[in-house]
PDB file of N, CA and C in Angstrom:
ATOM      1  N   MET A   1      -9.740  42.550 144.349  1.00  0.00           N
ATOM      2  CA  MET A   1      -9.826  41.419 145.240  1.00  0.00           C
ATOM      3  C   MET A   1     -11.163  41.474 145.980  1.00  0.00           C
ATOM      4  N   THR A   2     -11.814  40.316 146.133  1.00  0.00           N
ATOM      5  CA  THR A   2     -13.114  40.293 146.769  1.00  0.00           C
ATOM      6  C   THR A   2     -13.052  39.826 148.223  1.00  0.00           C
ATOM      7  N   VAL A   3     -11.856  39.583 148.734  1.00  0.00           N
ATOM      8  CA  VAL A   3     -11.731  39.261 150.148  1.00  0.00           C
ATOM      9  C   VAL A   3     -11.940  40.553 150.926  1.00  0.00           C
ATOM     10  N   LYS A   4     -12.876  40.552 151.867  1.00  0.00           N
ATOM     11  CA  LYS A   4     -13.244  41.766 152.594  1.00  0.00           C
ATOM     12  C   LYS A   4     -12.257  42.137 153.694  1.00  0.00           C
ATOM     13  N   ASN A   5     -11.555  41.161 154.253  1.00  0.00           N
ATOM     14  CA  ASN A   5     -10.638  41.419 155.350  1.00  0.00           C
ATOM     15  C   ASN A   5      -9.254  40.891 155.001  1.00  0.00           C
ATOM     16  N   ALA A   6      -8.309  41.798 154.820  1.00  0.00           N
ATOM     17  CA  ALA A   6      -6.959  41.434 154.403  1.00  0.00           C
ATOM     18  C   ALA A   6      -6.291  40.479 155.383  1.00  0.00           C
ATOM     19  N   GLU A   7      -6.726  40.466 156.632  1.00  0.00           N
ATOM     20  CA  GLU A   7      -6.109  39.581 157.619  1.00  0.00           C
ATOM     21  C   GLU A   7      -6.228  38.107 157.242  1.00  0.00           C
ATOM     22  N   PHE A   8      -7.177  37.765 156.371  1.00  0.00           N
ATOM     23  CA  PHE A   8      -7.385  36.373 155.988  1.00  0.00           C
ATOM     24  C   PHE A   8      -6.569  35.957 154.758  1.00  0.00           C
ATOM     25  N   VAL A   9      -5.960  36.890 154.067  1.00  0.00           N
ATOM     26  CA  VAL A   9      -5.266  36.581 152.824  1.00  0.00           C
ATOM     27  C   VAL A   9      -3.915  35.942 153.126  1.00  0.00           C
ATOM     28  N   GLU A  10      -3.710  34.762 152.562  1.00  0.00           N
ATOM     29  CA  GLU A  10      -2.441  34.032 152.639  1.00  0.00           C
ATOM     30  C   GLU A  10      -1.936  33.867 154.067  1.00  0.00           C
ATOM     31  N   LYS A  11      -2.847  33.636 154.995  1.00  0.00           N
ATOM     32  CA  LYS A  11      -2.471  33.411 156.389  1.00  0.00           C
ATOM     33  C   LYS A  11      -3.274  32.236 156.924  1.00  0.00           C
ATOM     34  N   GLY A  12      -2.691  31.548 157.867  1.00  0.00           N
ATOM     35  CA  GLY A  12      -3.403  30.488 158.561  1.00  0.00           C
ATOM     36  C   GLY A  12      -3.858  31.012 159.907  1.00  0.00           C
ATOM     37  N   LEU A  13      -5.106  31.419 160.009  1.00  0.00           N
ATOM     38  CA  LEU A  13      -5.630  32.006 161.234  1.00  0.00           C
ATOM     39  C   LEU A  13      -6.647  31.081 161.894  1.00  0.00           C
ATOM     40  N   LEU A  14      -6.736  31.163 163.195  1.00  0.00           N
ATOM     41  CA  LEU A  14      -7.799  30.473 163.910  1.00  0.00           C
ATOM     42  C   LEU A  14      -9.050  31.338 163.842  1.00  0.00           C
ATOM     43  N   LEU A  15     -10.113  30.813 163.269  1.00  0.00           N
ATOM     44  CA  LEU A  15     -11.344  31.595 163.131  1.00  0.00           C
ATOM     45  C   LEU A  15     -11.839  32.121 164.473  1.00  0.00           C
ATOM     46  N   ASN A  16     -11.715  31.312 165.499  1.00  0.00           N
ATOM     47  CA  ASN A  16     -12.203  31.703 166.813  1.00  0.00           C
ATOM     48  C   ASN A  16     -11.531  32.979 167.330  1.00  0.00           C
ATOM     49  N   ASN A  17     -10.307  33.253 166.878  1.00  0.00           N
ATOM     50  CA  ASN A  17      -9.563  34.421 167.346  1.00  0.00           C
ATOM     51  C   ASN A  17      -9.755  35.659 166.481  1.00  0.00           C
ATOM     52  N   THR A  18     -10.544  35.567 165.422  1.00  0.00           N
ATOM     53  CA  THR A  18     -10.662  36.688 164.487  1.00  0.00           C
ATOM     54  C   THR A  18     -11.923  37.523 164.674  1.00  0.00           C
ATOM     55  N   ILE A  19     -12.762  37.130 165.629  1.00  0.00           N
ATOM     56  CA  ILE A  19     -13.972  37.893 165.925  1.00  0.00           C
ATOM     57  C   ILE A  19     -14.246  37.774 167.422  1.00  0.00           C
ATOM     58  N   ASP A  20     -14.694  38.858 168.022  1.00  0.00           N
ATOM     59  CA  ASP A  20     -14.956  38.870 169.456  1.00  0.00           C
ATOM     60  C   ASP A  20     -16.454  38.980 169.729  1.00  0.00           C
ATOM     61  N   TYR A  21     -16.846  38.484 170.885  1.00  0.00           N
ATOM     62  CA  TYR A  21     -18.218  38.657 171.340  1.00  0.00           C
ATOM     63  C   TYR A  21     -18.417  40.112 171.779  1.00  0.00           C
ATOM     64  N   SER A  22     -19.662  40.596 171.655  1.00  0.00           N
ATOM     65  CA  SER A  22     -20.026  41.925 172.124  1.00  0.00           C
ATOM     66  C   SER A  22     -21.314  41.787 172.930  1.00  0.00           C
ATOM     67  N   LYS A  23     -21.355  42.372 174.098  1.00  0.00           N
ATOM     68  CA  LYS A  23     -22.495  42.215 174.994  1.00  0.00           C
ATOM     69  C   LYS A  23     -23.814  42.599 174.310  1.00  0.00           C
ATOM     70  N   ASP A  24     -24.789  41.705 174.419  1.00  0.00           N
ATOM     71  CA  ASP A  24     -26.141  41.910 173.897  1.00  0.00           C
ATOM     72  C   ASP A  24     -26.171  42.183 172.393  1.00  0.00           C
ATOM     73  N   SER A  25     -25.248  41.574 171.657  1.00  0.00           N
ATOM     74  CA  SER A  25     -25.136  41.854 170.216  1.00  0.00           C
ATOM     75  C   SER A  25     -24.793  40.612 169.413  1.00  0.00           C
ATOM     76  N   ILE A  26     -24.970  40.773 168.113  1.00  0.00           N
ATOM     77  CA  ILE A  26     -24.453  39.825 167.133  1.00  0.00           C
ATOM     78  C   ILE A  26     -23.412  40.586 166.326  1.00  0.00           C
ATOM     79  N   VAL A  27     -22.204  40.064 166.291  1.00  0.00           N
ATOM     80  CA  VAL A  27     -21.126  40.680 165.526  1.00  0.00           C
ATOM     81  C   VAL A  27     -20.905  39.835 164.280  1.00  0.00           C
ATOM     82  N   SER A  28     -20.719  40.483 163.134  1.00  0.00           N
ATOM     83  CA  SER A  28     -20.427  39.736 161.906  1.00  0.00           C
ATOM     84  C   SER A  28     -19.211  40.329 161.212  1.00  0.00           C
ATOM     85  N   LYS A  29     -18.492  39.456 160.527  1.00  0.00           N
ATOM     86  CA  LYS A  29     -17.320  39.873 159.769  1.00  0.00           C
ATOM     87  C   LYS A  29     -17.362  39.130 158.431  1.00  0.00           C
ATOM     88  N   THR A  30     -17.552  39.857 157.337  1.00  0.00           N
ATOM     89  CA  THR A  30     -17.565  39.243 156.010  1.00  0.00           C
ATOM     90  C   THR A  30     -16.131  38.949 155.600  1.00  0.00           C
ATOM     91  N   ILE A  31     -15.898  37.708 155.221  1.00  0.00           N
ATOM     92  CA  ILE A  31     -14.562  37.295 154.798  1.00  0.00           C
ATOM     93  C   ILE A  31     -14.446  37.376 153.284  1.00  0.00           C
ATOM     94  N   ILE A  32     -15.427  36.804 152.585  1.00  0.00           N
ATOM     95  CA  ILE A  32     -15.456  36.843 151.121  1.00  0.00           C
ATOM     96  C   ILE A  32     -16.874  37.184 150.683  1.00  0.00           C
ATOM     97  N   GLU A  33     -16.999  38.073 149.704  1.00  0.00           N
ATOM     98  CA  GLU A  33     -18.299  38.406 149.130  1.00  0.00           C
ATOM     99  C   GLU A  33     -18.160  38.408 147.618  1.00  0.00           C
ATOM    100  N   ARG A  34     -18.862  37.482 146.993  1.00  0.00           N
ATOM    101  CA  ARG A  34     -18.835  37.367 145.536  1.00  0.00           C
ATOM    102  C   ARG A  34     -20.259  37.202 145.031  1.00  0.00           C
ATOM    103  N   LYS A  35     -20.422  37.321 143.723  1.00  0.00           N
ATOM    104  CA  LYS A  35     -21.757  37.161 143.134  1.00  0.00           C
ATOM    105  C   LYS A  35     -22.333  35.782 143.423  1.00  0.00           C
ATOM    106  N   LYS A  36     -21.483  34.767 143.472  1.00  0.00           N
ATOM    107  CA  LYS A  36     -21.965  33.397 143.627  1.00  0.00           C
ATOM    108  C   LYS A  36     -21.938  32.890 145.058  1.00  0.00           C
ATOM    109  N   GLY A  37     -21.544  33.739 146.013  1.00  0.00           N
ATOM    110  CA  GLY A  37     -21.574  33.291 147.394  1.00  0.00           C
ATOM    111  C   GLY A  37     -20.818  34.196 148.345  1.00  0.00           C
ATOM    112  N   THR A  38     -21.058  33.951 149.629  1.00  0.00           N
ATOM    113  CA  THR A  38     -20.385  34.716 150.670  1.00  0.00           C
ATOM    114  C   THR A  38     -19.930  33.789 151.792  1.00  0.00           C
ATOM    115  N   ILE A  39     -18.908  34.242 152.500  1.00  0.00           N
ATOM    116  CA  ILE A  39     -18.444  33.576 153.709  1.00  0.00           C
ATOM    117  C   ILE A  39     -18.408  34.646 154.790  1.00  0.00           C
ATOM    118  N   THR A  40     -19.160  34.410 155.872  1.00  0.00           N
ATOM    119  CA  THR A  40     -19.270  35.390 156.945  1.00  0.00           C
ATOM    120  C   THR A  40     -19.102  34.703 158.289  1.00  0.00           C
ATOM    121  N   LEU A  41     -18.354  35.345 159.165  1.00  0.00           N
ATOM    122  CA  LEU A  41     -18.138  34.860 160.518  1.00  0.00           C
ATOM    123  C   LEU A  41     -19.040  35.650 161.459  1.00  0.00           C
ATOM    124  N   PHE A  42     -19.720  34.960 162.379  1.00  0.00           N
ATOM    125  CA  PHE A  42     -20.628  35.600 163.328  1.00  0.00           C
ATOM    126  C   PHE A  42     -20.243  35.236 164.755  1.00  0.00           C
ATOM    127  N   ALA A  43     -20.452  36.172 165.677  1.00  0.00           N
ATOM    128  CA  ALA A  43     -20.339  35.920 167.116  1.00  0.00           C
ATOM    129  C   ALA A  43     -21.643  36.376 167.761  1.00  0.00           C
ATOM    130  N   PHE A  44     -22.382  35.444 168.341  1.00  0.00           N
ATOM    131  CA  PHE A  44     -23.672  35.724 168.984  1.00  0.00           C
ATOM    132  C   PHE A  44     -23.473  35.767 170.493  1.00  0.00           C
ATOM    133  N   ASP A  45     -23.875  36.854 171.123  1.00  0.00           N
ATOM    134  CA  ASP A  45     -23.899  36.857 172.580  1.00  0.00           C
ATOM    135  C   ASP A  45     -25.125  36.055 173.028  1.00  0.00           C
ATOM    136  N   GLU A  46     -25.103  35.625 174.271  1.00  0.00           N
ATOM    137  CA  GLU A  46     -26.223  34.868 174.830  1.00  0.00           C
ATOM    138  C   GLU A  46     -27.543  35.606 174.639  1.00  0.00           C
ATOM    139  N   ALA A  47     -28.582  34.867 174.254  1.00  0.00           N
ATOM    140  CA  ALA A  47     -29.954  35.360 174.070  1.00  0.00           C
ATOM    141  C   ALA A  47     -30.162  36.172 172.791  1.00  0.00           C
ATOM    142  N   GLN A  48     -29.183  36.198 171.910  1.00  0.00           N
ATOM    143  CA  GLN A  48     -29.358  36.876 170.628  1.00  0.00           C
ATOM    144  C   GLN A  48     -29.876  35.871 169.597  1.00  0.00           C
ATOM    145  N   ASN A  49     -30.514  36.371 168.535  1.00  0.00           N
ATOM    146  CA  ASN A  49     -31.042  35.439 167.532  1.00  0.00           C
ATOM    147  C   ASN A  49     -31.228  36.118 166.185  1.00  0.00           C
ATOM    148  N   LEU A  50     -31.324  35.285 165.185  1.00  0.00           N
ATOM    149  CA  LEU A  50     -31.778  35.692 163.852  1.00  0.00           C
ATOM    150  C   LEU A  50     -33.144  35.056 163.699  1.00  0.00           C
ATOM    151  N   SER A  51     -34.167  35.856 163.583  1.00  0.00           N
ATOM    152  CA  SER A  51     -35.531  35.336 163.515  1.00  0.00           C
ATOM    153  C   SER A  51     -35.744  34.503 162.253  1.00  0.00           C
ATOM    154  N   GLU A  52     -36.796  33.718 162.274  1.00  0.00           N
ATOM    155  CA  GLU A  52     -37.083  32.826 161.157  1.00  0.00           C
ATOM    156  C   GLU A  52     -37.204  33.612 159.855  1.00  0.00           C
ATOM    157  N   HIS A  53     -36.552  33.097 158.839  1.00  0.00           N
ATOM    158  CA  HIS A  53     -36.587  33.721 157.513  1.00  0.00           C
ATOM    159  C   HIS A  53     -36.310  32.647 156.470  1.00  0.00           C
ATOM    160  N   ILE A  54     -36.467  33.021 155.223  1.00  0.00           N
ATOM    161  CA  ILE A  54     -36.196  32.126 154.087  1.00  0.00           C
ATOM    162  C   ILE A  54     -35.138  32.795 153.219  1.00  0.00           C
ATOM    163  N   ALA A  55     -34.193  32.004 152.775  1.00  0.00           N
ATOM    164  CA  ALA A  55     -33.166  32.503 151.852  1.00  0.00           C
ATOM    165  C   ALA A  55     -33.277  31.721 150.544  1.00  0.00           C
ATOM    166  N   PRO A  56     -33.030  32.369 149.423  1.00  0.00           N
ATOM    167  CA  PRO A  56     -33.161  31.687 148.140  1.00  0.00           C
ATOM    168  C   PRO A  56     -31.954  30.827 147.772  1.00  0.00           C
ATOM    169  N   PHE A  57     -31.009  30.667 148.716  1.00  0.00           N
ATOM    170  CA  PHE A  57     -29.778  29.925 148.431  1.00  0.00           C
ATOM    171  C   PHE A  57     -29.479  28.949 149.563  1.00  0.00           C
ATOM    172  N   ASP A  58     -28.772  27.871 149.240  1.00  0.00           N
ATOM    173  CA  ASP A  58     -28.286  26.951 150.263  1.00  0.00           C
ATOM    174  C   ASP A  58     -27.239  27.655 151.118  1.00  0.00           C
ATOM    175  N   ALA A  59     -27.176  27.282 152.387  1.00  0.00           N
ATOM    176  CA  ALA A  59     -26.167  27.843 153.283  1.00  0.00           C
ATOM    177  C   ALA A  59     -25.676  26.757 154.231  1.00  0.00           C
ATOM    178  N   MET A  60     -24.385  26.802 154.543  1.00  0.00           N
ATOM    179  CA  MET A  60     -23.796  25.887 155.497  1.00  0.00           C
ATOM    180  C   MET A  60     -23.395  26.671 156.735  1.00  0.00           C
ATOM    181  N   VAL A  61     -23.735  26.147 157.900  1.00  0.00           N
ATOM    182  CA  VAL A  61     -23.328  26.739 159.174  1.00  0.00           C
ATOM    183  C   VAL A  61     -22.325  25.791 159.818  1.00  0.00           C
ATOM    184  N   PHE A  62     -21.183  26.345 160.238  1.00  0.00           N
ATOM    185  CA  PHE A  62     -20.156  25.591 160.950  1.00  0.00           C
ATOM    186  C   PHE A  62     -19.938  26.279 162.293  1.00  0.00           C
ATOM    187  N   ILE A  63     -20.061  25.538 163.384  1.00  0.00           N
ATOM    188  CA  ILE A  63     -19.897  26.115 164.717  1.00  0.00           C
ATOM    189  C   ILE A  63     -18.403  26.178 165.052  1.00  0.00           C
ATOM    190  N   VAL A  64     -17.940  27.397 165.249  1.00  0.00           N
ATOM    191  CA  VAL A  64     -16.524  27.660 165.523  1.00  0.00           C
ATOM    192  C   VAL A  64     -16.244  27.599 167.027  1.00  0.00           C
ATOM    193  N   ASP A  65     -17.205  28.061 167.839  1.00  0.00           N
ATOM    194  CA  ASP A  65     -17.016  28.114 169.288  1.00  0.00           C
ATOM    195  C   ASP A  65     -18.378  28.008 169.969  1.00  0.00           C
ATOM    196  N   GLY A  66     -18.435  27.303 171.068  1.00  0.00           N
ATOM    197  CA  GLY A  66     -19.662  27.234 171.847  1.00  0.00           C
ATOM    198  C   GLY A  66     -20.692  26.278 171.283  1.00  0.00           C
ATOM    199  N   GLU A  67     -21.960  26.654 171.450  1.00  0.00           N
ATOM    200  CA  GLU A  67     -23.082  25.801 171.079  1.00  0.00           C
ATOM    201  C   GLU A  67     -24.222  26.674 170.574  1.00  0.00           C
ATOM    202  N   GLY A  68     -24.737  26.372 169.389  1.00  0.00           N
ATOM    203  CA  GLY A  68     -25.811  27.156 168.802  1.00  0.00           C
ATOM    204  C   GLY A  68     -27.039  26.323 168.501  1.00  0.00           C
ATOM    205  N   GLU A  69     -28.173  26.991 168.479  1.00  0.00           N
ATOM    206  CA  GLU A  69     -29.442  26.343 168.139  1.00  0.00           C
ATOM    207  C   GLU A  69     -29.834  26.801 166.741  1.00  0.00           C
ATOM    208  N   ILE A  70     -29.902  25.854 165.833  1.00  0.00           N
ATOM    209  CA  ILE A  70     -30.286  26.125 164.448  1.00  0.00           C
ATOM    210  C   ILE A  70     -31.638  25.449 164.218  1.00  0.00           C
ATOM    211  N   ILE A  71     -32.610  26.225 163.806  1.00  0.00           N
ATOM    212  CA  ILE A  71     -33.949  25.684 163.568  1.00  0.00           C
ATOM    213  C   ILE A  71     -34.198  25.712 162.062  1.00  0.00           C
ATOM    214  N   ILE A  72     -34.481  24.541 161.509  1.00  0.00           N
ATOM    215  CA  ILE A  72     -34.735  24.417 160.071  1.00  0.00           C
ATOM    216  C   ILE A  72     -36.095  23.756 159.902  1.00  0.00           C
ATOM    217  N   ASN A  73     -37.013  24.466 159.261  1.00  0.00           N
ATOM    218  CA  ASN A  73     -38.358  23.943 159.003  1.00  0.00           C
ATOM    219  C   ASN A  73     -39.019  23.448 160.296  1.00  0.00           C
ATOM    220  N   LYS A  74     -38.896  24.269 161.356  1.00  0.00           N
ATOM    221  CA  LYS A  74     -39.498  24.016 162.676  1.00  0.00           C
ATOM    222  C   LYS A  74     -38.808  22.912 163.476  1.00  0.00           C
ATOM    223  N   LYS A  75     -37.715  22.324 162.956  1.00  0.00           N
ATOM    224  CA  LYS A  75     -36.985  21.282 163.681  1.00  0.00           C
ATOM    225  C   LYS A  75     -35.720  21.890 164.284  1.00  0.00           C
ATOM    226  N   THR A  76     -35.539  21.691 165.603  1.00  0.00           N
ATOM    227  CA  THR A  76     -34.410  22.264 166.326  1.00  0.00           C
ATOM    228  C   THR A  76     -33.201  21.341 166.277  1.00  0.00           C
ATOM    229  N   HIS A  77     -32.038  21.942 165.994  1.00  0.00           N
ATOM    230  CA  HIS A  77     -30.760  21.228 165.973  1.00  0.00           C
ATOM    231  C   HIS A  77     -29.805  21.973 166.909  1.00  0.00           C
ATOM    232  N   ILE A  78     -29.256  21.282 167.892  1.00  0.00           N
ATOM    233  CA  ILE A  78     -28.257  21.862 168.785  1.00  0.00           C
ATOM    234  C   ILE A  78     -26.895  21.422 168.269  1.00  0.00           C
ATOM    235  N   LEU A  79     -26.094  22.397 167.841  1.00  0.00           N
ATOM    236  CA  LEU A  79     -24.777  22.101 167.283  1.00  0.00           C
ATOM    237  C   LEU A  79     -23.694  22.635 168.204  1.00  0.00           C
ATOM    238  N   LYS A  80     -22.630  21.854 168.357  1.00  0.00           N
ATOM    239  CA  LYS A  80     -21.505  22.240 169.193  1.00  0.00           C
ATOM    240  C   LYS A  80     -20.281  22.495 168.321  1.00  0.00           C
ATOM    241  N   GLN A  81     -19.263  23.075 168.950  1.00  0.00           N
ATOM    242  CA  GLN A  81     -18.025  23.395 168.248  1.00  0.00           C
ATOM    243  C   GLN A  81     -17.566  22.215 167.386  1.00  0.00           C
ATOM    244  N   GLY A  82     -17.265  22.526 166.127  1.00  0.00           N
ATOM    245  CA  GLY A  82     -16.794  21.522 165.180  1.00  0.00           C
ATOM    246  C   GLY A  82     -17.890  20.872 164.356  1.00  0.00           C
ATOM    247  N   GLN A  83     -19.151  21.118 164.692  1.00  0.00           N
ATOM    248  CA  GLN A  83     -20.257  20.537 163.931  1.00  0.00           C
ATOM    249  C   GLN A  83     -20.760  21.521 162.885  1.00  0.00           C
ATOM    250  N   MET A  84     -21.413  20.972 161.867  1.00  0.00           N
ATOM    251  CA  MET A  84     -21.988  21.812 160.813  1.00  0.00           C
ATOM    252  C   MET A  84     -23.327  21.257 160.389  1.00  0.00           C
ATOM    253  N   ILE A  85     -24.083  22.126 159.680  1.00  0.00           N
ATOM    254  CA  ILE A  85     -25.390  21.725 159.142  1.00  0.00           C
ATOM    255  C   ILE A  85     -25.658  22.547 157.879  1.00  0.00           C
ATOM    256  N   ILE A  86     -26.436  21.983 156.983  1.00  0.00           N
ATOM    257  CA  ILE A  86     -26.859  22.691 155.766  1.00  0.00           C
ATOM    258  C   ILE A  86     -28.284  23.209 155.971  1.00  0.00           C
ATOM    259  N   MET A  87     -28.472  24.480 155.648  1.00  0.00           N
ATOM    260  CA  MET A  87     -29.810  25.075 155.636  1.00  0.00           C
ATOM    261  C   MET A  87     -30.210  25.182 154.169  1.00  0.00           C
ATOM    262  N   PRO A  88     -31.136  24.340 153.711  1.00  0.00           N
ATOM    263  CA  PRO A  88     -31.503  24.330 152.291  1.00  0.00           C
ATOM    264  C   PRO A  88     -32.209  25.611 151.841  1.00  0.00           C
ATOM    265  N   ALA A  89     -32.045  25.928 150.596  1.00  0.00           N
ATOM    266  CA  ALA A  89     -32.711  27.092 149.997  1.00  0.00           C
ATOM    267  C   ALA A  89     -34.220  26.970 150.140  1.00  0.00           C
ATOM    268  N   ASN A  90     -34.863  28.112 150.345  1.00  0.00           N
ATOM    269  CA  ASN A  90     -36.322  28.227 150.367  1.00  0.00           C
ATOM    270  C   ASN A  90     -37.013  27.462 151.494  1.00  0.00           C
ATOM    271  N   ILE A  91     -36.268  27.101 152.533  1.00  0.00           N
ATOM    272  CA  ILE A  91     -36.827  26.436 153.708  1.00  0.00           C
ATOM    273  C   ILE A  91     -36.663  27.398 154.894  1.00  0.00           C
ATOM    274  N   PRO A  92     -37.705  27.641 155.684  1.00  0.00           N
ATOM    275  CA  PRO A  92     -37.581  28.572 156.816  1.00  0.00           C
ATOM    276  C   PRO A  92     -36.535  28.084 157.821  1.00  0.00           C
ATOM    277  N   HIS A  93     -35.740  29.030 158.307  1.00  0.00           N
ATOM    278  CA  HIS A  93     -34.729  28.701 159.314  1.00  0.00           C
ATOM    279  C   HIS A  93     -34.498  29.898 160.233  1.00  0.00           C
ATOM    280  N   ALA A  94     -33.939  29.606 161.406  1.00  0.00           N
ATOM    281  CA  ALA A  94     -33.636  30.632 162.404  1.00  0.00           C
ATOM    282  C   ALA A  94     -32.406  30.196 163.177  1.00  0.00           C
ATOM    283  N   VAL A  95     -31.785  31.150 163.864  1.00  0.00           N
ATOM    284  CA  VAL A  95     -30.592  30.874 164.671  1.00  0.00           C
ATOM    285  C   VAL A  95     -30.807  31.495 166.043  1.00  0.00           C
ATOM    286  N   ASN A  96     -30.591  30.694 167.104  1.00  0.00           N
ATOM    287  CA  ASN A  96     -30.747  31.170 168.472  1.00  0.00           C
ATOM    288  C   ASN A  96     -29.494  30.880 169.283  1.00  0.00           C
ATOM    289  N   ALA A  97     -29.138  31.828 170.127  1.00  0.00           N
ATOM    290  CA  ALA A  97     -27.997  31.656 171.021  1.00  0.00           C
ATOM    291  C   ALA A  97     -28.500  31.504 172.454  1.00  0.00           C
ATOM    292  N   LYS A  98     -28.726  30.270 172.868  1.00  0.00           N
ATOM    293  CA  LYS A  98     -29.091  30.027 174.271  1.00  0.00           C
ATOM    294  C   LYS A  98     -27.866  30.316 175.144  1.00  0.00           C
ATOM    295  N   LYS A  99     -26.680  30.080 174.563  1.00  0.00           N
ATOM    296  CA  LYS A  99     -25.385  30.424 175.146  1.00  0.00           C
ATOM    297  C   LYS A  99     -24.636  31.172 174.046  1.00  0.00           C
ATOM    298  N   LYS A 100     -23.600  31.906 174.390  1.00  0.00           N
ATOM    299  CA  LYS A 100     -22.874  32.598 173.327  1.00  0.00           C
ATOM    300  C   LYS A 100     -22.137  31.573 172.463  1.00  0.00           C
ATOM    301  N   PHE A 101     -22.072  31.876 171.157  1.00  0.00           N
ATOM    302  CA  PHE A 101     -21.367  30.993 170.238  1.00  0.00           C
ATOM    303  C   PHE A 101     -20.938  31.759 168.987  1.00  0.00           C
ATOM    304  N   LYS A 102     -20.014  31.140 168.254  1.00  0.00           N
ATOM    305  CA  LYS A 102     -19.528  31.705 166.993  1.00  0.00           C
ATOM    306  C   LYS A 102     -19.797  30.696 165.887  1.00  0.00           C
ATOM    307  N   MET A 103     -20.149  31.232 164.707  1.00  0.00           N
ATOM    308  CA  MET A 103     -20.414  30.349 163.571  1.00  0.00           C
ATOM    309  C   MET A 103     -19.869  30.970 162.289  1.00  0.00           C
ATOM    310  N   LEU A 104     -19.501  30.086 161.381  1.00  0.00           N
ATOM    311  CA  LEU A 104     -19.107  30.488 160.031  1.00  0.00           C
ATOM    312  C   LEU A 104     -20.279  30.138 159.127  1.00  0.00           C
ATOM    313  N   LEU A 105     -20.744  31.116 158.344  1.00  0.00           N
ATOM    314  CA  LEU A 105     -21.846  30.906 157.411  1.00  0.00           C
ATOM    315  C   LEU A 105     -21.293  30.976 156.001  1.00  0.00           C
ATOM    316  N   ILE A 106     -21.498  29.903 155.249  1.00  0.00           N
ATOM    317  CA  ILE A 106     -21.079  29.866 153.843  1.00  0.00           C
ATOM    318  C   ILE A 106     -22.349  29.754 153.019  1.00  0.00           C
ATOM    319  N   MET A 107     -22.619  30.786 152.221  1.00  0.00           N
ATOM    320  CA  MET A 107     -23.828  30.811 151.396  1.00  0.00           C
ATOM    321  C   MET A 107     -23.420  30.660 149.926  1.00  0.00           C
ATOM    322  N   ILE A 108     -24.021  29.687 149.282  1.00  0.00           N
ATOM    323  CA  ILE A 108     -23.749  29.409 147.878  1.00  0.00           C
ATOM    324  C   ILE A 108     -24.942  29.926 147.071  1.00  0.00           C
ATOM    325  N   LYS A 109     -24.693  30.838 146.144  1.00  0.00           N
ATOM    326  CA  LYS A 109     -25.781  31.467 145.394  1.00  0.00           C
ATOM    327  C   LYS A 109     -25.993  30.883 144.007  1.00  0.00           C
ATOM    328  N   ASP A 110     -25.294  29.841 143.662  1.00  0.00           N
ATOM    329  CA  ASP A 110     -25.444  29.274 142.327  1.00  0.00           C
ATOM    330  C   ASP A 110     -25.406  27.768 142.391  1.00  0.00           C
TER     331      ASP A 110
END
């Protein structure tokens, strides 16, 4: 089985309750990891970030809790709980937590 956390198998869970914030940190929990993609849950404490980088695959970010700043190709997007955005392959992007927030990242590798 490629599901990384058994708590997600055959259960209806609230994503917001499955990961906690940690002071001055970014916490991640891989839910599924396969050759063709991954699903990872993140909790960003205030002032944490993922610096600008490029990924060779498309990725979708869904805001589970709070409000996050997603920068794609130098353009800033402020997303709130329930919103999502696509980060296209080979385009520079970054993630900033002006406030603490949680996001689900779905990366498609094919």
